[in-house]
Amino acid sequence: MSDANEPLPPKTHTYPQGCFFKSLEDIKDKKIVVMGLGLNGGGEASVRFFLNHGAFVLATDMKTEDDLRTTVDSLNNDIKLDKSRLSYRLGEHRIEDFENADCVIKNPGVKYDGNKYLAVAKAIETDISLFLAFSKAPVIAVTGSKGKSSTVSAIYYGLKQSGFNAFLGGNITVSPLTFLDQTDETTPVVLELSSWQLADLRGRKLLKPKVSIITKIIPDHQNFYHSMLAYVNDKKLIYADQTKKDFAIFDFDSDPAADGGTLIDNWGNIFAKECKATILRYSKKALPEGILGVWQEKNGRGVARLSRKILDTLPQDYEKTTETVLKDLIVPGKHMRANVLNAALVLRIMGVSPERIIEVLGRWNGIEHRLEFFHECKIGKTAFRFYNDSAATVPEASAEATQAFGRPVIFLTGGTDKGLDLSPIANGICDNGKNIVPKAVYLLSGSASDKMMGDFEAKKIAYKGPFASLEEMLAALKSDLESQCDDFKNPQIVVFSPGSTSFGMFKNEFDRGNQFKAGVKKIFG
């Protein structure tokens, strides 16, 4: 339900329809400002793209050249680039650069509202808008609060293993501009899209995915949006221009934790009422008769209910069919199984047989920084297995990580607050007779950890820390494990799942995960 007096989302910026560039040839000799060179590849890919198409490019970033050394060196050392057309403005932005540019290529993390530099730009594009304007590839677009990266990675893996010449890009740190010239009508492209990337498409009418998926919605980025309605309003753009010939996959399960105070108990129902595409749903339990989609059975298998009317790859004598499309998985956790089940549904839509889907996705071993198993060592006679879940940047994801292995884990968590309620972590691990309580909890220092400590103390959950660095936390962990000298027959699980951002101590969650892995290998050998 929703409240009639519920406030409307704040007014948002709408871009002109279409793309500033009418063709790729139109780029030649244009003056381009790339706003946000960054370290994750998007800014660098945009610089390369425009240089390769004959533009004059100014790369500007508030970070200094030393901060951006990896990206700057990568560009400067590439002998194939015409660097006579490339200049930098690092450590600052200058208003005249934006005034004089034909077009500004915007970083998705930069707010438009109140930004004096973007306000004077003649035109604004992003790497996503450029790709959508010039590629004819069928797009499978995924957004949501958690599970996006796992979902797109499983879809991409499944497509490749099933013989498709597929590509993967977007928020997963691969700019689609890097493979634009390799795409056509036969090459499906899987795009992970953040709410910010979607906001940069508002009004353009460029995103018309063959399949859209919105994974579980929970409060996120509230330091940026300050409202769940504004946050979800951007998510809705993923299906805004779909038609009945397209597919949209939404959550079926109610989730009171997702309302963020909006009194909405199921975002999937809201999306389904608005969306013009053919609707499919996903659930943790059997869908009611008449609802098409996928669900998880008690034995863990994934089941799809589809009809001949919407899926022309089914045999002619099928009006409606229920098929098993998922069995055993390598990756742990019920939440991961839900992500892979949505991938199975996409593969079925793309014409892959249930038998092939079961075989292919059963071999998928997950992705880096998401419950990634990377190291095992022995202390005494006990084996310890280390998992890196650094990409868990919301508390609900960390809570699920503590339950994913079906037995108690040693839980490493904490980081920087981004305006979220951190209580789901404490609620997810407190001993209420249902949840699995960790063997031990270690906290990395940060503003989010400060909030967690209050939650832990209220529920009488013991913890150690907070520790000022990963090295300090890992050293304390090793000392504790060596002093306990318990011998267990089964390997013990150590999982690093911060449930918060990495600002201040790390460049981003990927840097955090890499530093964690390096620290474990150094300290635990």
Protein backbone atom coordinates (compact mmCIF):
# COMPACT_ATOMS: atom_id res chain seq x y z
CA MET A 1 0.00 0.00 0.00
CA SER A 2 1.01 3.65 -0.21
CA ASP A 3 -0.02 6.79 1.62
CA ALA A 4 -2.13 9.30 -0.32
CA ASN A 5 -0.28 12.06 1.48
CA GLU A 6 3.10 10.63 0.54
CA PRO A 7 5.43 13.39 -0.74
CA LEU A 8 6.27 13.37 -4.42
CA PRO A 9 9.88 12.77 -5.50
CA PRO A 10 11.81 16.03 -5.89
CA LYS A 11 12.03 17.64 -9.31
CA THR A 12 14.81 16.04 -11.33
CA HIS A 13 16.80 17.15 -14.33
CA THR A 14 15.58 15.96 -17.73
CA TYR A 15 17.94 15.80 -20.70
CA PRO A 16 17.03 16.52 -24.33
CA GLN A 17 15.75 13.53 -26.29
CA GLY A 18 18.34 11.60 -28.27
CA CYS A 19 22.08 12.25 -28.40
CA PHE A 20 24.04 15.45 -29.05
CA PHE A 21 26.12 13.66 -31.70
CA LYS A 22 24.08 12.71 -34.75
CA SER A 23 26.67 10.18 -35.92
CA LEU A 24 30.11 8.91 -34.93
CA GLU A 25 31.54 11.04 -37.74
CA ASP A 26 30.00 14.09 -36.06
CA ILE A 27 32.55 13.72 -33.22
CA LYS A 28 35.55 14.75 -35.34
CA ASP A 29 37.17 18.05 -34.24
CA LYS A 30 34.61 18.63 -31.47
CA LYS A 31 35.92 20.07 -28.19
CA ILE A 32 35.12 17.54 -25.46
CA VAL A 33 35.47 17.85 -21.69
CA VAL A 34 35.57 14.55 -19.82
CA MET A 35 34.40 15.43 -16.30
CA GLY A 36 35.79 12.83 -13.91
CA LEU A 37 38.84 10.98 -15.22
CA GLY A 38 38.75 8.62 -12.26
CA LEU A 39 40.37 5.27 -11.59
CA ASN A 40 37.57 2.83 -12.48
CA GLY A 41 37.93 2.97 -16.26
CA GLY A 42 34.88 5.00 -17.33
CA GLY A 43 36.65 8.33 -17.69
CA GLU A 44 39.65 6.74 -19.37
CA ALA A 45 37.41 4.88 -21.82
CA SER A 46 35.66 8.12 -22.74
CA VAL A 47 38.99 9.87 -23.36
CA ARG A 48 40.13 7.03 -25.60
CA PHE A 49 36.81 6.90 -27.45
CA PHE A 50 36.81 10.60 -28.34
CA LEU A 51 40.50 10.72 -29.26
CA ASN A 52 40.01 7.73 -31.55
CA HIS A 53 37.14 9.58 -33.27
CA GLY A 54 39.18 12.73 -33.84
CA ALA A 55 38.00 15.03 -31.05
CA PHE A 56 39.99 17.46 -28.92
CA VAL A 57 39.74 16.18 -25.34
CA LEU A 58 40.26 17.91 -21.99
CA ALA A 59 40.19 15.50 -19.04
CA THR A 60 39.36 17.27 -15.78
CA ASP A 61 39.07 15.92 -12.26
CA MET A 62 39.15 17.33 -8.74
CA LYS A 63 41.67 14.62 -7.87
CA THR A 64 45.32 15.45 -8.48
CA GLU A 65 47.62 13.90 -11.06
CA ASP A 66 49.28 11.87 -8.30
CA ASP A 67 45.87 10.56 -7.20
CA LEU A 68 45.11 9.57 -10.79
CA ARG A 69 48.60 8.33 -11.66
CA THR A 70 47.46 4.90 -12.89
CA THR A 71 44.94 6.34 -15.35
CA VAL A 72 47.18 9.21 -16.53
CA ASP A 73 50.11 6.86 -17.15
CA SER A 74 47.88 4.43 -19.03
CA LEU A 75 46.82 7.19 -21.42
CA ASN A 76 50.21 8.89 -21.75
CA ASN A 77 52.04 5.62 -22.42
CA ASP A 78 49.69 4.50 -25.19
CA ILE A 79 51.53 5.21 -28.44
CA LYS A 80 48.35 4.62 -30.49
CA LEU A 81 46.63 7.70 -29.08
CA ASP A 82 47.02 11.14 -30.64
CA LYS A 83 48.04 12.91 -27.45
CA SER A 84 48.44 16.23 -29.28
CA ARG A 85 44.64 16.43 -28.95
CA LEU A 86 44.66 15.55 -25.23
CA SER A 87 45.08 17.93 -22.29
CA TYR A 88 44.46 17.69 -18.54
CA ARG A 89 43.01 19.92 -15.84
CA LEU A 90 43.61 17.97 -12.62
CA GLY A 91 43.15 19.01 -9.00
CA GLU A 92 40.49 21.53 -10.04
CA HIS A 93 37.70 22.38 -12.48
CA ARG A 94 37.57 25.68 -14.36
CA ILE A 95 34.28 27.16 -15.46
CA GLU A 96 35.70 28.36 -18.80
CA ASP A 97 36.58 24.78 -19.79
CA PHE A 98 32.91 23.83 -19.53
CA GLU A 99 31.70 27.00 -21.23
CA ASN A 100 33.97 26.46 -24.23
CA ALA A 101 33.30 22.75 -24.71
CA ASP A 102 30.98 21.48 -27.43
CA CYS A 103 29.99 18.64 -25.12
CA VAL A 104 30.74 17.52 -21.55
CA ILE A 105 30.99 13.80 -20.76
CA LYS A 106 29.69 13.50 -17.22
CA ASN A 107 30.79 11.08 -14.52
CA PRO A 108 27.65 9.40 -13.08
CA GLY A 109 28.71 10.16 -9.51
CA VAL A 110 28.51 13.93 -10.12
CA LYS A 111 25.19 15.55 -9.22
CA TYR A 112 23.65 17.79 -11.87
CA ASP A 113 21.55 19.86 -9.47
CA GLY A 114 23.48 22.82 -8.11
CA ASN A 115 26.57 22.05 -10.17
CA LYS A 116 27.83 25.32 -11.62
CA TYR A 117 30.09 23.61 -14.14
CA LEU A 118 27.37 21.44 -15.67
CA ALA A 119 24.98 24.39 -15.64
CA VAL A 120 27.06 26.20 -18.29
CA ALA A 121 27.61 23.15 -20.52
CA LYS A 122 26.16 23.36 -24.04
CA ALA A 123 25.49 19.62 -24.05
CA ILE A 124 26.00 16.71 -21.63
CA GLU A 125 26.41 13.02 -22.44
CA THR A 126 27.70 9.92 -20.63
CA ASP A 127 29.46 6.80 -21.82
CA ILE A 128 26.15 4.93 -21.37
CA SER A 129 24.11 7.43 -23.41
CA LEU A 130 26.70 7.37 -26.20
CA PHE A 131 26.70 3.58 -26.31
CA LEU A 132 22.91 3.37 -26.42
CA ALA A 133 22.75 5.99 -29.17
CA PHE A 134 25.16 4.19 -31.49
CA SER A 135 24.84 0.47 -30.76
CA LYS A 136 22.14 -1.74 -32.28
CA ALA A 137 22.79 -4.54 -29.78
CA PRO A 138 19.89 -6.04 -27.80
CA VAL A 139 20.34 -4.84 -24.21
CA ILE A 140 19.75 -6.77 -21.00
CA ALA A 141 19.73 -4.08 -18.30
CA VAL A 142 19.96 -4.72 -14.56
CA THR A 143 19.57 -2.33 -11.64
CA GLY A 144 18.55 -2.64 -7.98
CA SER A 145 20.05 -2.14 -4.52
CA LYS A 146 21.93 -5.41 -4.11
CA GLY A 147 22.79 -8.35 -6.32
CA LYS A 148 23.24 -6.31 -9.52
CA SER A 149 26.83 -7.31 -10.22
CA SER A 150 26.28 -10.97 -9.42
CA THR A 151 23.18 -11.04 -11.62
CA VAL A 152 24.82 -9.41 -14.66
CA SER A 153 27.92 -11.57 -14.29
CA ALA A 154 25.87 -14.77 -14.16
CA ILE A 155 23.83 -13.67 -17.19
CA TYR A 156 26.96 -12.81 -19.15
CA TYR A 157 28.66 -16.09 -18.22
CA GLY A 158 25.54 -18.04 -19.17
CA LEU A 159 25.23 -16.30 -22.54
CA LYS A 160 28.89 -16.82 -23.42
CA GLN A 161 28.80 -20.48 -22.39
CA SER A 162 25.63 -20.94 -24.45
CA GLY A 163 27.30 -19.70 -27.64
CA PHE A 164 26.28 -16.02 -27.73
CA ASN A 165 28.81 -13.35 -28.67
CA ALA A 166 27.85 -11.30 -25.62
CA PHE A 167 29.38 -8.29 -23.86
CA LEU A 168 29.23 -7.01 -20.27
CA GLY A 169 29.59 -3.40 -19.12
CA GLY A 170 28.27 -0.48 -17.12
CA ASN A 171 28.54 -0.03 -13.36
CA ILE A 172 30.62 -3.20 -13.12
CA THR A 173 33.60 -0.94 -14.06
CA VAL A 174 33.73 -1.77 -17.78
CA SER A 175 32.65 1.10 -20.02
CA PRO A 176 30.53 -0.12 -22.96
CA LEU A 177 32.46 2.31 -25.17
CA THR A 178 35.33 -0.19 -25.04
CA PHE A 179 33.33 -2.69 -27.12
CA LEU A 180 30.88 -0.45 -29.02
CA ASP A 181 32.43 -1.16 -32.41
CA GLN A 182 32.14 -4.94 -31.85
CA THR A 183 28.37 -4.93 -31.34
CA ASP A 184 25.47 -5.41 -33.74
CA GLU A 185 21.90 -6.80 -33.76
CA THR A 186 23.21 -10.30 -32.92
CA THR A 187 25.39 -9.45 -29.90
CA PRO A 188 23.49 -9.19 -26.60
CA VAL A 189 24.94 -6.63 -24.21
CA VAL A 190 24.44 -6.98 -20.46
CA LEU A 191 24.53 -3.62 -18.65
CA GLU A 192 24.66 -3.11 -14.90
CA LEU A 193 23.16 0.33 -14.29
CA SER A 194 23.35 2.30 -11.05
CA SER A 195 20.61 4.76 -10.10
CA TRP A 196 23.01 7.57 -11.02
CA GLN A 197 23.66 6.15 -14.48
CA LEU A 198 19.92 5.81 -15.02
CA ALA A 199 19.31 9.39 -13.85
CA ASP A 200 21.71 10.55 -16.57
CA LEU A 201 19.37 8.95 -19.16
CA ARG A 202 16.19 10.75 -18.04
CA GLY A 203 14.41 12.24 -21.06
CA ARG A 204 16.83 10.86 -23.66
CA LYS A 205 14.61 7.85 -24.63
CA LEU A 206 17.72 5.85 -25.50
CA LEU A 207 17.36 2.93 -23.06
CA LYS A 208 14.94 0.35 -24.50
CA PRO A 209 16.16 -2.98 -23.12
CA LYS A 210 14.97 -6.30 -24.47
CA VAL A 211 15.04 -7.45 -20.84
CA SER A 212 15.12 -5.29 -17.71
CA ILE A 213 15.64 -6.58 -14.17
CA ILE A 214 15.28 -4.74 -10.89
CA THR A 215 16.91 -6.73 -8.11
CA LYS A 216 15.91 -6.34 -4.46
CA ILE A 217 15.24 -2.72 -3.46
CA ILE A 218 16.45 -1.61 -0.04
CA PRO A 219 17.48 1.83 1.31
CA ASP A 220 20.79 2.84 -0.29
CA HIS A 221 22.72 6.02 -1.17
CA GLN A 222 20.54 8.06 1.18
CA ASN A 223 23.46 10.45 1.76
CA PHE A 224 23.11 11.29 -1.95
CA TYR A 225 19.32 11.13 -2.41
CA HIS A 226 17.95 11.91 1.09
CA SER A 227 14.73 10.14 0.04
CA MET A 228 13.79 6.59 -0.93
CA LEU A 229 11.26 8.00 -3.38
CA ALA A 230 13.93 9.96 -5.24
CA TYR A 231 16.21 6.90 -5.25
CA VAL A 232 13.53 4.55 -6.60
CA ASN A 233 12.34 7.18 -9.07
CA ASP A 234 15.69 6.86 -10.82
CA LYS A 235 15.52 3.06 -10.75
CA LYS A 236 12.19 3.18 -12.60
CA LEU A 237 13.91 4.68 -15.65
CA ILE A 238 15.19 1.22 -16.56
CA TYR A 239 11.74 0.25 -17.90
CA ALA A 240 10.36 3.69 -18.81
CA ASP A 241 10.63 3.18 -22.58
CA GLN A 242 10.05 -0.57 -22.84
CA THR A 243 7.13 -1.95 -24.87
CA LYS A 244 5.03 -5.13 -24.70
CA LYS A 245 7.53 -6.98 -26.89
CA ASP A 246 10.16 -6.52 -24.16
CA PHE A 247 10.44 -8.29 -20.78
CA ALA A 248 10.68 -6.82 -17.29
CA ILE A 249 11.57 -8.95 -14.25
CA PHE A 250 10.51 -7.70 -10.80
CA ASP A 251 10.51 -8.93 -7.21
CA PHE A 252 7.30 -10.61 -6.00
CA ASP A 253 8.10 -10.91 -2.29
CA SER A 254 7.07 -8.26 0.21
CA ASP A 255 9.94 -6.64 2.07
CA PRO A 256 9.01 -4.15 4.80
CA ALA A 257 12.69 -3.27 5.21
CA ALA A 258 12.60 -1.79 1.71
CA ASP A 259 10.07 0.94 2.39
CA GLY A 260 12.46 3.51 3.86
CA GLY A 261 9.47 5.12 5.51
CA THR A 262 7.37 5.33 2.33
CA LEU A 263 4.72 2.83 3.50
CA ILE A 264 5.27 0.81 0.33
CA ASP A 265 5.57 -2.88 1.19
CA ASN A 266 6.45 -4.20 -2.26
CA TRP A 267 8.25 -2.15 -4.89
CA GLY A 268 7.86 -4.95 -7.44
CA ASN A 269 4.08 -4.45 -7.45
CA ILE A 270 4.53 -0.72 -8.05
CA PHE A 271 6.89 -1.39 -10.95
CA ALA A 272 4.59 -4.04 -12.47
CA LYS A 273 1.60 -1.67 -12.50
CA GLU A 274 3.56 1.06 -14.29
CA CYS A 275 5.66 -0.95 -16.74
CA LYS A 276 4.41 -1.54 -20.31
CA ALA A 277 6.66 -4.57 -20.93
CA THR A 278 5.68 -8.23 -20.47
CA ILE A 279 6.02 -8.75 -16.71
CA LEU A 280 7.78 -11.69 -15.06
CA ARG A 281 8.32 -12.04 -11.30
CA TYR A 282 10.85 -13.75 -9.02
CA SER A 283 10.24 -15.10 -5.54
CA LYS A 284 11.69 -17.19 -2.72
CA LYS A 285 8.54 -19.33 -2.74
CA ALA A 286 6.12 -20.68 -5.32
CA LEU A 287 4.38 -17.97 -7.33
CA PRO A 288 0.57 -17.98 -7.29
CA GLU A 289 -1.15 -19.67 -10.22
CA GLY A 290 -1.31 -17.32 -13.17
CA ILE A 291 1.85 -15.38 -12.26
CA LEU A 292 4.70 -16.07 -14.66
CA GLY A 293 8.33 -16.03 -13.56
CA VAL A 294 10.74 -17.99 -11.36
CA TRP A 295 10.89 -19.16 -7.76
CA GLN A 296 13.00 -21.22 -5.40
CA GLU A 297 11.69 -24.52 -4.07
CA LYS A 298 12.46 -25.79 -0.56
CA ASN A 299 15.09 -28.18 -1.94
CA GLY A 300 16.92 -25.19 -3.45
CA ARG A 301 15.98 -25.90 -7.05
CA GLY A 302 14.87 -23.04 -9.25
CA VAL A 303 11.62 -23.33 -11.18
CA ALA A 304 10.34 -21.23 -14.09
CA ARG A 305 6.69 -20.88 -15.14
CA LEU A 306 6.36 -19.54 -18.67
CA SER A 307 3.82 -19.62 -21.48
CA ARG A 308 3.88 -20.21 -25.21
CA LYS A 309 2.09 -16.89 -25.61
CA ILE A 310 5.10 -14.89 -24.40
CA LEU A 311 7.97 -17.26 -25.15
CA ASP A 312 8.02 -18.45 -28.76
CA THR A 313 10.99 -20.75 -28.09
CA LEU A 314 8.62 -23.18 -26.32
CA PRO A 315 7.19 -26.11 -28.32
CA GLN A 316 3.94 -25.39 -30.17
CA ASP A 317 1.89 -27.67 -27.90
CA TYR A 318 2.82 -25.73 -24.73
CA GLU A 319 0.29 -23.20 -23.53
CA LYS A 320 1.96 -22.93 -20.11
CA THR A 321 4.90 -24.85 -18.71
CA THR A 322 6.75 -25.22 -15.43
CA GLU A 323 10.40 -26.19 -15.78
CA THR A 324 13.35 -26.73 -13.48
CA VAL A 325 16.04 -24.27 -14.61
CA LEU A 326 18.46 -24.32 -11.66
CA LYS A 327 19.94 -27.06 -9.46
CA ASP A 328 23.33 -27.14 -7.75
CA LEU A 329 25.50 -24.03 -7.50
CA ILE A 330 29.14 -23.51 -6.51
CA VAL A 331 28.57 -20.06 -4.99
CA PRO A 332 27.13 -19.97 -1.43
CA GLY A 333 24.05 -18.23 -0.08
CA LYS A 334 20.30 -18.05 -0.71
CA HIS A 335 20.62 -14.46 -1.90
CA MET A 336 23.16 -15.53 -4.52
CA ARG A 337 20.82 -18.31 -5.65
CA ALA A 338 18.12 -15.66 -6.23
CA ASN A 339 20.50 -13.69 -8.46
CA VAL A 340 21.46 -16.76 -10.47
CA LEU A 341 17.80 -17.76 -10.81
CA ASN A 342 17.09 -14.43 -12.49
CA ALA A 343 20.03 -15.14 -14.80
CA ALA A 344 18.44 -18.50 -15.60
CA LEU A 345 15.20 -16.74 -16.52
CA VAL A 346 17.03 -14.40 -18.89
CA LEU A 347 18.76 -17.36 -20.56
CA ARG A 348 15.38 -19.04 -21.00
CA ILE A 349 14.01 -15.88 -22.62
CA MET A 350 17.02 -15.95 -24.95
CA GLY A 351 16.10 -19.47 -26.04
CA VAL A 352 18.56 -21.57 -24.01
CA SER A 353 17.14 -24.96 -22.97
CA PRO A 354 16.51 -25.72 -19.27
CA GLU A 355 19.03 -28.57 -19.37
CA ARG A 356 21.73 -26.32 -20.77
CA ILE A 357 20.93 -23.56 -18.24
CA ILE A 358 21.29 -26.01 -15.32
CA GLU A 359 24.61 -27.26 -16.68
CA VAL A 360 26.10 -23.84 -17.45
CA LEU A 361 25.06 -21.92 -14.34
CA GLY A 362 26.06 -24.87 -12.17
CA ARG A 363 29.65 -24.17 -13.24
CA TRP A 364 29.57 -20.42 -12.52
CA ASN A 365 31.89 -19.70 -9.59
CA GLY A 366 30.85 -16.14 -8.75
CA ILE A 367 32.76 -12.89 -9.18
CA GLU A 368 35.54 -10.96 -7.55
CA HIS A 369 34.74 -9.12 -4.29
CA ARG A 370 31.39 -10.91 -3.82
CA LEU A 371 31.75 -13.86 -1.43
CA GLU A 372 34.95 -14.59 -3.35
CA PHE A 373 36.92 -17.53 -1.95
CA PHE A 374 40.61 -16.67 -2.41
CA HIS A 375 42.80 -18.16 0.34
CA GLU A 376 43.09 -21.15 2.65
CA CYS A 377 45.64 -21.78 5.39
CA LYS A 378 46.11 -24.01 8.42
CA ILE A 379 46.61 -22.93 12.01
CA GLY A 380 47.36 -26.04 14.01
CA LYS A 381 45.23 -28.76 12.47
CA THR A 382 42.38 -26.43 11.56
CA ALA A 383 41.92 -25.09 8.02
CA PHE A 384 40.67 -21.52 7.60
CA ARG A 385 39.02 -20.36 4.38
CA PHE A 386 38.94 -16.63 3.60
CA TYR A 387 36.16 -14.96 1.60
CA ASN A 388 36.25 -11.42 0.21
CA ASP A 389 32.81 -9.77 0.12
CA SER A 390 34.06 -6.17 -0.12
CA ALA A 391 31.39 -5.25 -2.69
CA ALA A 392 28.77 -5.69 0.05
CA THR A 393 28.23 -1.96 0.65
CA VAL A 394 24.76 -2.16 2.22
CA PRO A 395 24.01 -3.72 5.63
CA GLU A 396 21.49 -6.24 4.31
CA ALA A 397 24.13 -7.78 2.06
CA SER A 398 26.52 -8.23 4.98
CA ALA A 399 23.82 -9.77 7.13
CA GLU A 400 23.15 -12.29 4.38
CA ALA A 401 26.87 -13.04 4.06
CA THR A 402 26.90 -14.18 7.71
CA GLN A 403 24.16 -16.69 6.91
CA ALA A 404 25.33 -17.78 3.46
CA PHE A 405 27.46 -20.73 4.60
CA GLY A 406 24.89 -22.45 6.78
CA ARG A 407 27.20 -22.40 9.82
CA PRO A 408 28.88 -19.83 12.08
CA VAL A 409 31.58 -17.68 10.47
CA ILE A 410 34.26 -15.30 11.70
CA PHE A 411 32.80 -11.99 10.58
CA LEU A 412 34.92 -8.95 9.62
CA THR A 413 32.88 -5.81 8.92
CA GLY A 414 32.64 -2.01 9.16
CA GLY A 415 33.59 1.10 7.22
CA THR A 416 32.15 4.50 6.31
CA ASP A 417 28.51 5.46 6.78
CA LYS A 418 26.46 6.57 3.75
CA GLY A 419 23.33 7.62 5.59
CA LEU A 420 21.85 4.14 6.05
CA ASP A 421 20.25 2.34 8.95
CA LEU A 422 22.96 -0.18 9.93
CA SER A 423 20.72 -2.19 12.27
CA PRO A 424 20.03 -4.97 9.71
CA ILE A 425 23.54 -6.30 10.45
CA ALA A 426 22.92 -6.68 14.17
CA ASN A 427 19.37 -7.91 13.55
CA GLY A 428 20.67 -10.42 11.03
CA ILE A 429 23.15 -12.05 13.39
CA CYS A 430 21.48 -11.77 16.80
CA ASP A 431 20.53 -15.08 18.40
CA ASN A 432 16.76 -15.17 18.04
CA GLY A 433 16.63 -18.89 17.42
CA LYS A 434 16.55 -18.51 13.63
CA ASN A 435 19.79 -16.84 12.62
CA ILE A 436 23.32 -18.22 12.70
CA VAL A 437 25.44 -16.27 15.16
CA PRO A 438 29.07 -15.62 14.08
CA LYS A 439 31.88 -17.22 16.07
CA ALA A 440 33.46 -13.77 16.37
CA VAL A 441 32.97 -10.23 15.04
CA TYR A 442 35.82 -7.84 14.16
CA LEU A 443 35.19 -4.19 13.27
CA LEU A 444 37.22 -1.98 10.93
CA SER A 445 37.09 1.63 12.11
CA GLY A 446 34.79 4.15 10.45
CA SER A 447 31.59 6.14 10.92
CA ALA A 448 29.45 3.14 9.97
CA SER A 449 31.28 1.01 12.54
CA ASP A 450 30.46 3.60 15.21
CA LYS A 451 26.75 3.06 14.49
CA MET A 452 27.20 -0.73 14.40
CA MET A 453 28.79 -0.75 17.84
CA GLY A 454 25.68 0.80 19.34
CA ASP A 455 23.51 -1.81 17.65
CA PHE A 456 25.79 -4.65 18.76
CA GLU A 457 25.88 -3.45 22.35
CA ALA A 458 22.09 -3.12 22.45
CA LYS A 459 21.77 -6.75 21.39
CA LYS A 460 24.72 -7.92 23.53
CA ILE A 461 26.71 -9.06 20.50
CA ALA A 462 30.42 -9.28 21.37
CA TYR A 463 32.87 -7.64 18.99
CA LYS A 464 36.53 -6.70 18.79
CA GLY A 465 37.85 -3.36 17.59
CA PRO A 466 37.36 -1.07 15.91
CA PHE A 467 40.76 -1.44 14.29
CA ALA A 468 42.46 1.48 12.57
CA SER A 469 43.54 -0.55 9.51
CA LEU A 470 43.07 -3.87 7.77
CA GLU A 471 46.58 -4.91 8.81
CA GLU A 472 45.81 -4.22 12.47
CA MET A 473 42.53 -6.15 12.28
CA LEU A 474 44.10 -9.15 10.52
CA ALA A 475 47.03 -9.23 12.93
CA ALA A 476 44.61 -9.31 15.87
CA LEU A 477 42.62 -12.06 14.19
CA LYS A 478 45.71 -14.18 13.62
CA SER A 479 46.85 -13.73 17.21
CA ASP A 480 43.42 -14.78 18.47
CA LEU A 481 43.26 -17.84 16.24
CA GLU A 482 46.74 -18.97 17.23
CA SER A 483 45.98 -18.56 20.93
CA GLN A 484 42.76 -20.55 20.74
CA CYS A 485 44.44 -23.57 19.11
CA ASP A 486 41.12 -25.38 18.54
CA ASP A 487 41.22 -28.31 16.13
CA PHE A 488 38.12 -28.56 13.92
CA LYS A 489 37.44 -31.27 11.37
CA ASN A 490 35.60 -28.84 9.08
CA PRO A 491 37.29 -25.76 7.61
CA GLN A 492 36.44 -22.52 9.45
CA ILE A 493 35.08 -19.59 7.43
CA VAL A 494 36.41 -16.03 7.64
CA VAL A 495 34.31 -13.54 5.65
CA PHE A 496 35.06 -9.84 5.15
CA SER A 497 31.71 -8.15 4.38
CA PRO A 498 31.82 -4.44 5.31
CA GLY A 499 28.16 -3.49 4.78
CA SER A 500 29.30 0.10 4.23
CA THR A 501 31.36 2.25 1.88
CA SER A 502 35.13 2.50 1.64
CA PHE A 503 35.56 6.29 1.59
CA GLY A 504 38.57 7.66 3.43
CA MET A 505 40.57 4.50 3.97
CA PHE A 506 40.34 3.10 0.40
CA LYS A 507 39.84 4.37 -3.15
CA ASN A 508 36.69 2.27 -3.58
CA GLU A 509 35.25 -1.12 -2.62
CA PHE A 510 37.41 -2.90 -5.20
CA ASP A 511 40.60 -1.35 -3.82
CA ARG A 512 39.37 -2.34 -0.35
CA GLY A 513 38.86 -5.94 -1.48
CA ASN A 514 42.26 -6.11 -3.14
CA GLN A 515 43.97 -4.72 -0.05
CA PHE A 516 42.12 -7.24 2.11
CA LYS A 517 43.24 -10.14 -0.07
CA ALA A 518 46.83 -8.90 -0.13
CA GLY A 519 46.78 -8.44 3.65
CA VAL A 520 45.44 -11.95 4.28
CA LYS A 521 48.06 -13.55 2.04
CA LYS A 522 50.82 -11.55 3.72
CA ILE A 523 49.74 -12.16 7.32
CA PHE A 524 48.35 -15.67 6.99
CA GLY A 525 50.79 -16.83 4.33
